Amino acid sequence: MKTENIIIDKTFNFSLSIISLFKKLQENKEFIISKQLLRSATSIGANVEEATAAQSKRDFINKMSIASKEARETKYWLRLLNDSELTTLDVLDEIKEVNHIINIITKIIITAKNNV
């Protein structure tokens, strides 16, 4: 039976959402921020996935901290897209989701640090 890992599922689904957004941005001829967004957003889930195979608690905290930084960078790119006139696409749902992911990862890191 598969056990559920909310943060792995959330970051994977978020990456899929960003890939879809990336395609739309490319169709709208937005090439610079869209690539930055794609890199940082998909890196969140990659680092969370790596953290599940951490060799130590410190390694786990490090990978989750990198995921947190990538999530914050992703939030920055989404805010730029939202507040600039580069595109008319609505990214408010993605901003809301990345904020939720940041909150979860932050709580995971705090809990892990308290258990070291």
Protein backbone atom coordinates (compact mmCIF):
# COMPACT_ATOMS: atom_id res chain seq x y z
CA MET A 1 0.00 0.00 0.00
CA LYS A 2 1.35 3.43 -0.97
CA THR A 3 1.79 5.91 1.84
CA GLU A 4 0.78 9.49 1.17
CA ASN A 5 3.39 12.23 1.40
CA ILE A 6 1.59 15.54 1.08
CA ILE A 7 4.62 17.71 0.29
CA ILE A 8 5.90 15.33 -2.40
CA ASP A 9 2.46 15.22 -4.02
CA LYS A 10 1.97 19.00 -3.72
CA THR A 11 5.36 19.86 -5.21
CA PHE A 12 4.95 17.34 -8.04
CA ASN A 13 1.50 18.68 -8.94
CA PHE A 14 2.79 22.24 -8.64
CA SER A 15 5.58 21.40 -11.10
CA LEU A 16 3.00 20.06 -13.55
CA SER A 17 1.00 23.27 -13.15
CA ILE A 18 4.11 25.39 -13.79
CA ILE A 19 5.01 23.34 -16.87
CA SER A 20 1.56 24.12 -18.23
CA LEU A 21 2.01 27.81 -17.39
CA PHE A 22 5.46 27.75 -19.01
CA LYS A 23 3.94 26.49 -22.28
CA LYS A 24 1.35 29.29 -22.21
CA LEU A 25 4.03 31.89 -21.51
CA GLN A 26 6.11 30.59 -24.41
CA GLU A 27 3.06 30.84 -26.69
CA ASN A 28 2.72 34.47 -25.54
CA LYS A 29 6.39 35.08 -26.43
CA GLU A 30 7.59 35.45 -22.84
CA PHE A 31 10.90 33.60 -22.85
CA ILE A 32 13.10 35.00 -20.07
CA ILE A 33 11.06 34.87 -16.85
CA SER A 34 9.26 31.73 -18.00
CA LYS A 35 12.55 29.79 -18.11
CA GLN A 36 13.62 31.08 -14.70
CA LEU A 37 10.20 30.14 -13.31
CA LEU A 38 10.34 26.66 -14.80
CA ARG A 39 13.81 26.00 -13.36
CA SER A 40 13.06 27.20 -9.84
CA ALA A 41 9.58 25.69 -9.61
CA THR A 42 10.57 22.20 -10.74
CA SER A 43 13.61 22.33 -8.47
CA ILE A 44 11.32 22.55 -5.42
CA GLY A 45 9.93 19.07 -5.97
CA ALA A 46 13.30 17.65 -7.02
CA ASN A 47 14.87 18.75 -3.74
CA VAL A 48 11.92 17.51 -1.68
CA GLU A 49 12.22 14.16 -3.45
CA GLU A 50 15.97 14.08 -2.76
CA ALA A 51 15.33 14.87 0.91
CA THR A 52 13.34 11.65 1.25
CA ALA A 53 16.57 9.75 0.54
CA ALA A 54 18.73 11.88 2.82
CA GLN A 55 21.68 10.14 4.46
CA SER A 56 21.26 12.01 7.72
CA LYS A 57 18.94 14.44 9.48
CA ARG A 58 21.31 17.29 8.53
CA ASP A 59 21.24 16.20 4.89
CA PHE A 60 17.43 16.14 5.06
CA ILE A 61 17.32 19.66 6.54
CA ASN A 62 19.76 20.90 3.90
CA LYS A 63 17.71 19.51 0.98
CA MET A 64 14.48 20.89 2.43
CA SER A 65 16.17 24.26 2.95
CA ILE A 66 17.18 24.32 -0.71
CA ALA A 67 13.58 23.46 -1.63
CA SER A 68 12.44 26.39 0.53
CA LYS A 69 14.82 28.78 -1.24
CA GLU A 70 13.65 27.55 -4.64
CA ALA A 71 10.03 28.04 -3.58
CA ARG A 72 10.76 31.61 -2.54
CA GLU A 73 12.51 32.27 -5.85
CA THR A 74 9.51 30.82 -7.65
CA LYS A 75 7.23 33.15 -5.69
CA TYR A 76 9.37 36.08 -6.82
CA TRP A 77 9.07 35.16 -10.52
CA LEU A 78 5.32 34.63 -10.18
CA ARG A 79 4.91 38.01 -8.49
CA LEU A 80 6.89 39.65 -11.31
CA LEU A 81 4.64 38.02 -13.88
CA ASN A 82 1.57 39.08 -11.93
CA ASP A 83 2.60 42.70 -11.40
CA SER A 84 4.31 43.39 -14.71
CA GLU A 85 2.69 43.87 -18.08
CA LEU A 86 4.64 41.03 -19.67
CA THR A 87 1.57 38.83 -19.85
CA THR A 88 -2.14 38.91 -19.15
CA LEU A 89 -2.15 35.38 -17.77
CA ASP A 90 -3.55 35.00 -14.26
CA VAL A 91 -0.98 33.48 -11.88
CA LEU A 92 -2.74 34.15 -8.57
CA ASP A 93 -3.55 30.45 -8.03
CA GLU A 94 0.12 29.58 -8.51
CA ILE A 95 1.15 32.30 -6.03
CA LYS A 96 -1.34 30.95 -3.50
CA GLU A 97 -0.07 27.39 -3.99
CA VAL A 98 3.61 28.30 -3.69
CA ASN A 99 2.84 30.20 -0.47
CA HIS A 100 1.17 27.05 0.86
CA ILE A 101 4.20 24.96 -0.17
CA ILE A 102 6.56 27.45 1.54
CA ASN A 103 4.53 27.19 4.75
CA ILE A 104 4.61 23.39 4.73
CA ILE A 105 8.33 23.19 3.99
CA THR A 106 9.08 25.77 6.70
CA LYS A 107 7.16 23.69 9.25
CA ILE A 108 8.98 20.53 8.14
CA ILE A 109 12.37 22.23 8.56
CA ILE A 110 11.47 23.61 12.01
CA THR A 111 10.26 20.20 13.16
CA ALA A 112 13.36 18.46 11.79
CA LYS A 113 15.67 20.98 13.49
CA ASN A 114 13.86 20.50 16.80
CA ASN A 115 14.37 16.75 16.53
CA VAL A 116 18.12 16.86 15.84
